[in-house]
Amino acid sequence: MFKKILVANRGEIAVRIIRACKEMKIATVAIYSEADKNSLHMRLADEAICVGPPASRESYLNMPNIISAATITGAEAIHPGYGYFSENAGFAEACEACNIKFIGPKANAIELMGDKARAKDTAAKAGVPVIPGSKGIIQSEQEAFKTASKMGYPVRLKATAGGGGRGIRVVHSQDDLSSQLRIATTEAESAFGNGELYMEKEIEEPRHIEVQIIGDEHGHYVHLGERECSIQRRNQKLIEEAPSVAVTPAIRNKMGEAAVKLAKAVGYSSVGTVEYLLDKNGDFYFMEMNTRVQVEHPVTEFVTGVDIVKEQIRVAAGEKLSVTQKDIKIDGHAIECRIIAEDPSRNFAPCVGTIRHMAAPGGIGVRLDTHIYGGYEIPPYYDAMIAKLIVWGKDRNEAIARMMRCLAEYEIDGITTNISYQMEILSNPYFKKGELSTSFIPRRMNGG
């Protein structure tokens, strides 16, 4: 097992990883930017090193500085968390070249699954159901028209290097294809430096379902059931839950087995998530694979009892999985709300400022993952998510009631958050009935 790990991230995920390491008696090194000099993650770590100015590209995305920090402090491994370098094959290779263990999959698996067109082709070859679409990248407007005509509208254009909902456009008719193609290409080039697109048949009113998998370096794999991630605003997840009310035990087994098939096909070793679209008929289709720990991993931890971050660290250290598929049982229901520093009344504009006072909710079956505290100043340079509130209940109704109670208790003064908006979603009658889809917010919520 590692003696010292550098955590190459910030915010709540850095805190989450450091806490897991402390319980495993592993020393930690935090990195921080000049803007994060008072952040909780650097206070909790055994050591902390500043890696640059506030801008992410000069600090949290400064590869030489991060590798140097690990080398100087004698860290044997780097945990990238999510975002930043977590799905960067070049960073994984740099760690390997410097004899530092990257706590994640091998670089070739990251590269393969990070290219959405190649990932889809790999999934199809592994026998995983895939959404009908283009054979690789769309090379021309003429090819786009031909492919869309063959599949039938609506279709979805997606950036092959995409993420976070950018470089995606749904096209409902032939008249709109040219303009949407140009917009998606421009957006992808701006966001990722890569304007390549592929096309898929648009599955109408789908659910976004993902399956958590873990594989070790000895060829053992498990899946930990599914998460429902359909509640999204502008392609960004807001509420996640496990299990999904739409997934029967039979569908769960099929989804899980397909996810493990894909992991085996790419020789995957680490935690990862296979994402699907589930239609109204119970048919599911591969969408993409995230080769990192997910923001929403706590809901799976609540219903399975598996500590995903600890398992990820053990696997990276060369240990065998501590659980088998027979050990995995789904118990109760968990819901996560992403608490974001934004103003719903001002078109969800991000909010920065100093938190004058914070009172966290508590009680049985309640977990709060956060890096904020009273007196903390939220910097303007990073993602606006400031906390994740997660609850467990014996069933979905109890979990919803518990989450509503916790949101009402949660006090954050000095900035505006989306707490009241989350309460609106949970009190929506369609949410309570479990009638969810990725278009829930624009269809069921005012001002979505």
Protein backbone atom coordinates (compact mmCIF):
# COMPACT_ATOMS: atom_id res chain seq x y z
CA MET A 1 0.00 0.00 0.00
CA PHE A 2 1.09 3.56 -0.69
CA LYS A 3 2.66 5.54 2.15
CA LYS A 4 1.93 8.95 0.62
CA ILE A 5 -0.54 10.18 -2.03
CA LEU A 6 -0.71 13.59 -3.70
CA VAL A 7 -4.28 14.75 -4.38
CA ALA A 8 -4.28 16.66 -7.68
CA ASN A 9 -7.58 18.44 -7.21
CA ARG A 10 -9.47 20.92 -5.06
CA GLY A 11 -12.88 21.39 -3.44
CA GLU A 12 -15.08 18.66 -2.03
CA ILE A 13 -13.51 15.79 -3.99
CA ALA A 14 -10.06 16.65 -2.61
CA VAL A 15 -11.52 16.61 0.91
CA ARG A 16 -13.24 13.28 0.18
CA ILE A 17 -10.00 11.65 -1.00
CA ILE A 18 -7.92 13.02 1.88
CA ARG A 19 -10.43 11.65 4.41
CA ALA A 20 -10.30 8.20 2.79
CA CYS A 21 -6.48 8.29 2.90
CA LYS A 22 -6.48 9.26 6.59
CA GLU A 23 -8.66 6.27 7.42
CA MET A 24 -6.26 4.06 5.46
CA LYS A 25 -3.30 5.61 7.35
CA ILE A 26 -1.86 7.06 4.14
CA ALA A 27 -0.13 10.47 4.30
CA THR A 28 -1.49 13.11 1.92
CA VAL A 29 -0.16 16.06 -0.04
CA ALA A 30 -2.63 18.74 -1.14
CA ILE A 31 -1.98 21.10 -4.00
CA TYR A 32 -3.59 24.51 -4.07
CA SER A 33 -3.69 27.68 -6.12
CA GLU A 34 -3.10 31.13 -4.67
CA ALA A 35 -6.89 31.60 -4.62
CA ASP A 36 -7.33 28.43 -2.52
CA LYS A 37 -4.85 29.26 0.23
CA ASN A 38 -7.66 29.01 2.82
CA SER A 39 -9.44 26.01 1.33
CA LEU A 40 -10.38 23.11 3.59
CA HIS A 41 -8.56 20.46 1.57
CA MET A 42 -5.15 21.98 2.20
CA ARG A 43 -5.93 22.28 5.92
CA LEU A 44 -6.80 18.59 6.20
CA ALA A 45 -3.79 17.26 4.29
CA ASP A 46 -0.47 16.42 5.96
CA GLU A 47 1.37 18.66 3.53
CA ALA A 48 0.27 21.37 1.08
CA ILE A 49 2.07 22.91 -1.88
CA CYS A 50 1.04 25.92 -3.94
CA VAL A 51 1.20 25.05 -7.64
CA GLY A 52 0.41 28.41 -9.20
CA PRO A 53 -1.83 31.46 -9.62
CA PRO A 54 -5.65 31.34 -9.39
CA ALA A 55 -6.40 30.38 -13.02
CA SER A 56 -6.75 26.59 -13.37
CA ARG A 57 -4.53 26.43 -16.44
CA GLU A 58 -1.69 27.88 -14.37
CA SER A 59 -2.27 25.76 -11.26
CA TYR A 60 -4.57 22.72 -11.23
CA LEU A 61 -3.84 22.13 -14.93
CA ASN A 62 -0.11 22.89 -14.64
CA MET A 63 1.28 19.42 -15.26
CA PRO A 64 5.01 20.17 -14.62
CA ASN A 65 4.21 21.86 -11.30
CA ILE A 66 2.00 19.00 -10.10
CA ILE A 67 4.50 16.30 -11.06
CA SER A 68 7.25 18.35 -9.39
CA ALA A 69 5.15 18.67 -6.22
CA ALA A 70 4.77 14.88 -6.08
CA THR A 71 8.48 14.33 -6.66
CA ILE A 72 9.59 16.91 -4.08
CA THR A 73 7.28 15.54 -1.37
CA GLY A 74 8.04 11.89 -2.12
CA ALA A 75 4.46 11.00 -3.04
CA GLU A 76 4.29 7.52 -4.57
CA ALA A 77 0.93 8.08 -6.24
CA ILE A 78 -1.35 10.82 -7.52
CA HIS A 79 -5.13 10.75 -7.17
CA PRO A 80 -6.68 13.09 -9.78
CA GLY A 81 -10.26 13.12 -8.43
CA TYR A 82 -12.67 14.17 -11.19
CA GLY A 83 -12.22 16.89 -13.80
CA TYR A 84 -8.81 18.45 -14.40
CA PHE A 85 -6.32 15.64 -15.23
CA SER A 86 -8.56 12.71 -14.23
CA GLU A 87 -9.22 11.65 -17.83
CA ASN A 88 -6.01 12.92 -19.40
CA ALA A 89 -3.97 10.11 -20.92
CA GLY A 90 -0.93 12.39 -21.23
CA PHE A 91 -0.95 13.05 -17.50
CA ALA A 92 -1.23 9.32 -16.73
CA GLU A 93 1.75 8.69 -19.02
CA ALA A 94 3.74 11.51 -17.37
CA CYS A 95 3.11 9.95 -13.95
CA GLU A 96 4.29 6.57 -15.21
CA ALA A 97 7.41 8.11 -16.77
CA CYS A 98 8.26 9.69 -13.41
CA ASN A 99 7.67 6.41 -11.54
CA ILE A 100 4.54 7.79 -9.85
CA LYS A 101 1.39 5.65 -9.75
CA PHE A 102 -1.63 7.29 -11.40
CA ILE A 103 -4.70 6.29 -9.37
CA GLY A 104 -6.90 5.54 -12.33
CA PRO A 105 -6.90 3.32 -15.41
CA LYS A 106 -4.01 2.90 -17.82
CA ALA A 107 -3.39 5.69 -20.33
CA ASN A 108 -4.52 3.56 -23.30
CA ALA A 109 -7.91 2.89 -21.66
CA ILE A 110 -8.36 6.61 -20.91
CA GLU A 111 -7.49 7.50 -24.49
CA LEU A 112 -9.75 4.86 -26.01
CA MET A 113 -12.79 5.61 -23.85
CA GLY A 114 -12.19 9.38 -24.05
CA ASP A 115 -12.73 9.33 -27.81
CA LYS A 116 -16.49 8.91 -27.94
CA ALA A 117 -16.58 7.57 -31.51
CA ARG A 118 -13.93 4.91 -30.78
CA ALA A 119 -15.55 4.11 -27.43
CA LYS A 120 -18.86 3.45 -29.13
CA ASP A 121 -17.20 1.20 -31.70
CA THR A 122 -15.41 -0.71 -28.90
CA ALA A 123 -18.67 -1.11 -26.99
CA ALA A 124 -20.45 -2.47 -30.07
CA LYS A 125 -17.67 -5.01 -30.67
CA ALA A 126 -17.93 -6.08 -27.01
CA GLY A 127 -21.64 -6.80 -27.49
CA VAL A 128 -22.93 -3.74 -25.62
CA PRO A 129 -26.08 -2.19 -27.16
CA VAL A 130 -25.25 1.10 -28.85
CA ILE A 131 -27.33 3.96 -30.22
CA PRO A 132 -27.58 3.88 -34.03
CA GLY A 133 -25.25 6.51 -35.43
CA SER A 134 -22.51 7.53 -37.82
CA LYS A 135 -19.60 5.26 -38.52
CA GLY A 136 -17.05 7.39 -36.75
CA ILE A 137 -16.48 11.11 -37.25
CA ILE A 138 -18.68 13.14 -39.63
CA GLN A 139 -16.26 14.18 -42.38
CA SER A 140 -18.48 16.56 -44.34
CA GLU A 141 -21.85 18.29 -44.43
CA GLN A 142 -22.88 15.98 -47.26
CA GLU A 143 -22.12 12.94 -45.10
CA ALA A 144 -24.09 14.48 -42.22
CA PHE A 145 -27.18 14.88 -44.43
CA LYS A 146 -26.87 11.33 -45.74
CA THR A 147 -26.45 9.81 -42.26
CA ALA A 148 -29.33 11.79 -40.76
CA SER A 149 -31.63 10.90 -43.62
CA LYS A 150 -30.82 7.21 -43.20
CA MET A 151 -31.47 7.24 -39.41
CA GLY A 152 -34.41 9.62 -39.46
CA TYR A 153 -34.84 12.79 -37.42
CA PRO A 154 -34.34 13.84 -34.66
CA VAL A 155 -30.59 13.24 -34.47
CA ARG A 156 -27.94 14.37 -31.99
CA LEU A 157 -24.58 15.89 -32.92
CA LYS A 158 -21.89 15.25 -30.31
CA ALA A 159 -18.28 16.40 -29.99
CA THR A 160 -16.00 13.38 -30.05
CA ALA A 161 -13.79 15.00 -27.39
CA GLY A 162 -16.77 16.40 -25.50
CA GLY A 163 -17.87 16.59 -21.91
CA GLY A 164 -19.97 18.73 -19.60
CA GLY A 165 -22.74 19.08 -22.17
CA ARG A 166 -20.69 21.16 -24.63
CA GLY A 167 -20.50 20.46 -28.35
CA ILE A 168 -23.95 18.82 -28.33
CA ARG A 169 -26.87 19.81 -30.55
CA VAL A 170 -30.20 18.07 -31.20
CA VAL A 171 -31.44 18.51 -34.79
CA HIS A 172 -35.14 18.02 -35.44
CA SER A 173 -35.27 18.57 -39.19
CA GLN A 174 -33.15 18.68 -42.32
CA ASP A 175 -33.58 22.47 -42.49
CA ASP A 176 -31.65 22.93 -39.24
CA LEU A 177 -28.80 20.51 -39.84
CA SER A 178 -26.32 22.86 -41.57
CA SER A 179 -26.58 25.61 -38.96
CA GLN A 180 -26.45 23.22 -35.99
CA LEU A 181 -23.46 21.45 -37.50
CA ARG A 182 -21.57 24.76 -37.68
CA ILE A 183 -22.56 25.76 -34.13
CA ALA A 184 -21.57 22.40 -32.60
CA THR A 185 -18.24 22.38 -34.46
CA THR A 186 -17.39 25.92 -33.31
CA GLU A 187 -18.38 25.15 -29.72
CA ALA A 188 -16.32 21.93 -29.69
CA GLU A 189 -13.26 23.70 -31.11
CA SER A 190 -13.57 26.43 -28.50
CA ALA A 191 -14.08 24.06 -25.55
CA PHE A 192 -11.77 21.18 -26.44
CA GLY A 193 -9.50 22.35 -29.26
CA ASN A 194 -11.10 19.62 -31.37
CA GLY A 195 -14.10 20.32 -33.60
CA GLU A 196 -14.74 16.72 -34.69
CA LEU A 197 -18.34 15.53 -34.36
CA TYR A 198 -20.25 12.30 -34.68
CA MET A 199 -23.97 11.73 -35.01
CA GLU A 200 -26.44 9.55 -33.14
CA LYS A 201 -30.13 8.82 -33.40
CA GLU A 202 -31.88 10.92 -30.76
CA ILE A 203 -33.65 8.72 -28.21
CA GLU A 204 -36.70 10.75 -27.22
CA GLU A 205 -37.57 11.20 -23.53
CA PRO A 206 -34.80 8.87 -22.31
CA ARG A 207 -33.53 8.33 -18.80
CA HIS A 208 -29.84 8.84 -18.12
CA ILE A 209 -28.73 5.71 -16.25
CA GLU A 210 -25.15 4.91 -15.30
CA VAL A 211 -23.53 1.80 -13.88
CA GLN A 212 -20.57 1.91 -11.48
CA ILE A 213 -17.88 -0.68 -12.15
CA ILE A 214 -14.57 -1.53 -10.49
CA GLY A 215 -11.84 -3.71 -11.96
CA ASP A 216 -8.52 -4.75 -10.45
CA GLU A 217 -5.19 -5.60 -12.07
CA HIS A 218 -5.85 -9.32 -11.56
CA GLY A 219 -8.82 -9.54 -13.94
CA HIS A 220 -11.60 -9.30 -11.34
CA TYR A 221 -14.62 -7.05 -11.96
CA VAL A 222 -17.80 -6.04 -10.18
CA HIS A 223 -20.63 -3.66 -10.92
CA LEU A 224 -22.37 -1.79 -8.10
CA GLY A 225 -25.77 -1.30 -9.67
CA GLU A 226 -27.12 1.82 -11.32
CA ARG A 227 -27.64 5.51 -10.66
CA GLU A 228 -30.47 7.60 -12.08
CA CYS A 229 -28.99 10.87 -13.41
CA SER A 230 -31.88 12.18 -15.49
CA ILE A 231 -32.41 15.44 -13.59
CA GLN A 232 -30.19 17.77 -15.60
CA ARG A 233 -30.10 21.43 -16.47
CA ARG A 234 -28.25 22.31 -19.68
CA ASN A 235 -26.80 18.78 -19.75
CA GLN A 236 -25.38 19.20 -16.22
CA LYS A 237 -26.60 16.77 -13.55
CA LEU A 238 -28.40 18.29 -10.56
CA ILE A 239 -29.91 15.34 -8.68
CA GLU A 240 -28.80 11.72 -8.74
CA GLU A 241 -30.29 8.70 -7.04
CA ALA A 242 -29.73 4.99 -6.60
CA PRO A 243 -31.36 2.75 -7.52
CA SER A 244 -33.54 3.91 -10.43
CA VAL A 245 -37.29 3.32 -10.17
CA ALA A 246 -37.28 2.37 -13.86
CA VAL A 247 -34.65 -0.36 -13.59
CA THR A 248 -35.89 -3.84 -12.75
CA PRO A 249 -33.54 -6.50 -11.34
CA ALA A 250 -33.42 -8.08 -14.81
CA ILE A 251 -32.47 -4.80 -16.52
CA ARG A 252 -29.94 -4.09 -13.73
CA ASN A 253 -28.23 -7.43 -14.36
CA LYS A 254 -28.13 -6.84 -18.11
CA MET A 255 -26.76 -3.31 -17.73
CA GLY A 256 -24.18 -4.44 -15.20
CA GLU A 257 -23.05 -7.42 -17.26
CA ALA A 258 -22.72 -5.22 -20.35
CA ALA A 259 -20.65 -2.68 -18.39
CA VAL A 260 -18.32 -5.41 -17.15
CA LYS A 261 -18.00 -6.79 -20.71
CA LEU A 262 -16.82 -3.38 -21.89
CA ALA A 263 -14.36 -3.03 -19.00
CA LYS A 264 -12.88 -6.44 -19.80
CA ALA A 265 -12.65 -5.57 -23.49
CA VAL A 266 -10.37 -2.61 -22.76
CA GLY A 267 -8.43 -4.27 -19.93
CA TYR A 268 -9.79 -1.72 -17.49
CA SER A 269 -8.45 -1.55 -13.93
CA SER A 270 -9.83 1.14 -11.59
CA VAL A 271 -13.25 2.58 -10.87
CA GLY A 272 -15.27 3.71 -13.86
CA THR A 273 -18.80 4.44 -14.95
CA VAL A 274 -20.62 3.18 -18.02
CA GLU A 275 -23.41 5.56 -19.02
CA TYR A 276 -26.58 4.50 -20.84
CA LEU A 277 -29.75 5.97 -22.22
CA LEU A 278 -32.81 3.95 -21.18
CA ASP A 279 -35.92 4.30 -23.34
CA LYS A 280 -39.58 3.84 -22.43
CA ASN A 281 -39.52 0.21 -23.56
CA GLY A 282 -36.75 -0.78 -21.14
CA ASP A 283 -34.12 -0.93 -23.89
CA PHE A 284 -30.78 0.65 -23.05
CA TYR A 285 -27.97 1.99 -25.21
CA PHE A 286 -24.33 2.75 -24.46
CA MET A 287 -23.59 6.46 -24.35
CA GLU A 288 -20.05 6.81 -22.96
CA MET A 289 -17.65 5.62 -20.29
CA ASN A 290 -16.19 7.92 -17.64
CA THR A 291 -12.74 6.68 -16.63
CA ARG A 292 -12.68 8.28 -13.17
CA VAL A 293 -14.57 8.57 -9.91
CA GLN A 294 -17.91 10.34 -10.47
CA VAL A 295 -19.32 13.34 -8.61
CA GLU A 296 -22.33 11.22 -7.69
CA HIS A 297 -20.46 8.17 -6.35
CA PRO A 298 -21.81 8.67 -2.76
CA VAL A 299 -25.33 7.46 -3.63
CA THR A 300 -23.85 4.13 -4.72
CA GLU A 301 -21.76 3.97 -1.54
CA PHE A 302 -24.91 4.51 0.54
CA VAL A 303 -26.92 1.67 -1.04
CA THR A 304 -24.07 -0.87 -1.40
CA GLY A 305 -21.83 -0.10 1.58
CA VAL A 306 -18.75 -0.12 -0.69
CA ASP A 307 -16.25 2.74 -0.19
CA ILE A 308 -15.49 3.46 -3.84
CA VAL A 309 -12.52 5.77 -3.23
CA LYS A 310 -10.80 3.33 -0.87
CA GLU A 311 -11.39 0.52 -3.36
CA GLN A 312 -9.91 2.69 -6.12
CA ILE A 313 -6.77 3.29 -4.04
CA ARG A 314 -6.41 -0.41 -3.17
CA VAL A 315 -6.74 -1.44 -6.80
CA ALA A 316 -4.11 1.13 -7.85
CA ALA A 317 -1.76 -0.34 -5.25
CA GLY A 318 -2.09 -3.73 -6.94
CA GLU A 319 -4.46 -5.32 -4.45
CA LYS A 320 -7.38 -7.54 -5.42
CA LEU A 321 -10.94 -6.31 -5.12
CA SER A 322 -12.24 -6.71 -1.58
CA VAL A 323 -15.72 -7.66 -2.84
CA THR A 324 -17.20 -10.09 -5.36
CA GLN A 325 -20.40 -9.68 -7.35
CA LYS A 326 -22.22 -11.94 -4.89
CA ASP A 327 -21.37 -9.51 -2.09
CA ILE A 328 -23.15 -6.60 -3.79
CA LYS A 329 -26.69 -6.01 -2.48
CA ILE A 330 -28.81 -2.91 -3.05
CA ASP A 331 -30.20 -1.71 0.29
CA GLY A 332 -32.66 1.18 0.49
CA HIS A 333 -32.59 4.34 -1.61
CA ALA A 334 -30.14 7.27 -1.79
CA ILE A 335 -30.48 10.75 -3.31
CA GLU A 336 -27.82 13.38 -3.93
CA CYS A 337 -28.44 17.09 -4.51
CA ARG A 338 -25.64 19.21 -5.92
CA ILE A 339 -25.51 22.47 -3.99
CA ILE A 340 -24.34 25.18 -6.37
CA ALA A 341 -23.43 28.82 -5.70
CA GLU A 342 -25.77 30.29 -8.30
CA ASP A 343 -28.86 32.45 -8.46
CA PRO A 344 -31.89 30.70 -10.03
CA SER A 345 -33.71 34.06 -10.28
CA ARG A 346 -30.90 35.49 -12.44
CA ASN A 347 -30.74 32.69 -15.01
CA PHE A 348 -28.58 30.63 -12.64
CA ALA A 349 -25.71 33.14 -12.69
CA PRO A 350 -22.74 31.97 -10.57
CA CYS A 351 -22.34 33.67 -7.20
CA VAL A 352 -19.10 34.46 -5.42
CA GLY A 353 -18.43 36.04 -2.05
CA THR A 354 -17.81 35.22 1.59
CA ILE A 355 -19.92 32.72 3.50
CA ARG A 356 -20.86 34.60 6.64
CA HIS A 357 -22.57 31.66 8.32
CA MET A 358 -23.22 27.99 7.57
CA ALA A 359 -25.35 25.46 9.48
CA ALA A 360 -25.26 21.96 8.02
CA PRO A 361 -28.15 19.48 8.21
CA GLY A 362 -27.68 16.20 10.06
CA GLY A 363 -29.41 13.13 11.42
CA ILE A 364 -29.57 9.48 10.50
CA GLY A 365 -28.78 8.66 6.87
CA VAL A 366 -27.33 12.10 6.07
CA ARG A 367 -23.97 12.89 4.46
CA LEU A 368 -22.54 16.25 3.41
CA ASP A 369 -19.47 16.38 1.16
CA THR A 370 -18.15 19.94 1.03
CA HIS A 371 -15.10 22.16 1.31
CA ILE A 372 -16.85 25.30 2.53
CA TYR A 373 -17.25 26.68 6.05
CA GLY A 374 -18.28 29.89 7.80
CA GLY A 375 -15.86 32.61 6.75
CA TYR A 376 -14.79 30.81 3.55
CA GLU A 377 -14.55 33.04 0.49
CA ILE A 378 -15.75 31.44 -2.74
CA PRO A 379 -13.31 32.35 -5.53
CA PRO A 380 -14.59 33.25 -9.00
CA TYR A 381 -12.22 30.96 -10.90
CA TYR A 382 -13.69 27.48 -10.47
CA ASP A 383 -16.80 25.34 -10.78
CA ALA A 384 -19.70 26.77 -8.80
CA MET A 385 -20.61 23.50 -7.01
CA ILE A 386 -19.84 24.01 -3.32
CA ALA A 387 -21.36 20.90 -1.71
CA LYS A 388 -23.12 17.60 -2.24
CA LEU A 389 -25.94 16.71 0.11
CA ILE A 390 -26.65 12.97 0.16
CA VAL A 391 -29.34 11.11 2.09
CA TRP A 392 -30.36 7.47 2.52
CA GLY A 393 -33.81 6.11 3.28
CA LYS A 394 -35.34 2.66 3.55
CA ASP A 395 -37.26 3.49 0.36
CA ARG A 396 -37.54 6.35 -2.16
CA ASN A 397 -40.37 8.12 -0.33
CA GLU A 398 -38.37 8.26 2.89
CA ALA A 399 -35.27 9.44 1.00
CA ILE A 400 -37.24 12.29 -0.63
CA ALA A 401 -38.75 13.31 2.72
CA ARG A 402 -35.34 13.23 4.37
CA MET A 403 -33.76 15.29 1.60
CA MET A 404 -36.54 17.89 1.82
CA ARG A 405 -36.00 18.12 5.57
CA CYS A 406 -32.22 18.50 5.13
CA LEU A 407 -32.51 21.14 2.42
CA ALA A 408 -34.84 23.14 4.69
CA GLU A 409 -32.26 22.88 7.51
CA TYR A 410 -29.26 23.83 5.38
CA GLU A 411 -28.27 27.45 6.03
CA ILE A 412 -25.69 29.24 3.90
CA ASP A 413 -25.60 33.01 4.39
CA GLY A 414 -23.59 35.50 2.36
CA ILE A 415 -24.12 33.97 -1.08
CA THR A 416 -27.07 32.73 -3.12
CA THR A 417 -27.42 29.01 -3.79
CA ASN A 418 -29.77 26.65 -5.63
CA ILE A 419 -31.11 25.05 -2.42
CA SER A 420 -34.63 26.43 -2.92
CA TYR A 421 -34.59 25.29 -6.56
CA GLN A 422 -33.63 21.77 -5.48
CA MET A 423 -36.62 21.77 -3.12
CA GLU A 424 -38.87 22.78 -6.00
CA ILE A 425 -37.64 19.81 -8.04
CA LEU A 426 -38.13 17.32 -5.21
CA SER A 427 -41.64 18.61 -4.49
CA ASN A 428 -42.65 18.35 -8.15
CA PRO A 429 -45.41 15.70 -8.45
CA TYR A 430 -43.76 14.11 -11.49
CA PHE A 431 -40.48 13.74 -9.58
CA LYS A 432 -42.31 12.17 -6.65
CA LYS A 433 -43.94 9.67 -9.01
CA GLY A 434 -40.56 8.85 -10.54
CA GLU A 435 -41.62 9.99 -14.02
CA LEU A 436 -38.19 11.21 -15.05
CA SER A 437 -36.29 11.87 -18.26
CA THR A 438 -33.39 14.03 -19.36
CA SER A 439 -35.93 16.65 -20.46
CA PHE A 440 -37.57 16.78 -17.02
CA ILE A 441 -36.42 20.32 -16.15
CA PRO A 442 -37.36 22.05 -19.42
CA ARG A 443 -40.68 20.16 -19.54
CA ARG A 444 -41.74 20.03 -15.88
CA MET A 445 -40.04 23.02 -14.22
CA ASN A 446 -40.76 26.70 -14.80
CA GLY A 447 -37.60 28.57 -15.72
CA GLY A 448 -35.71 25.34 -16.25
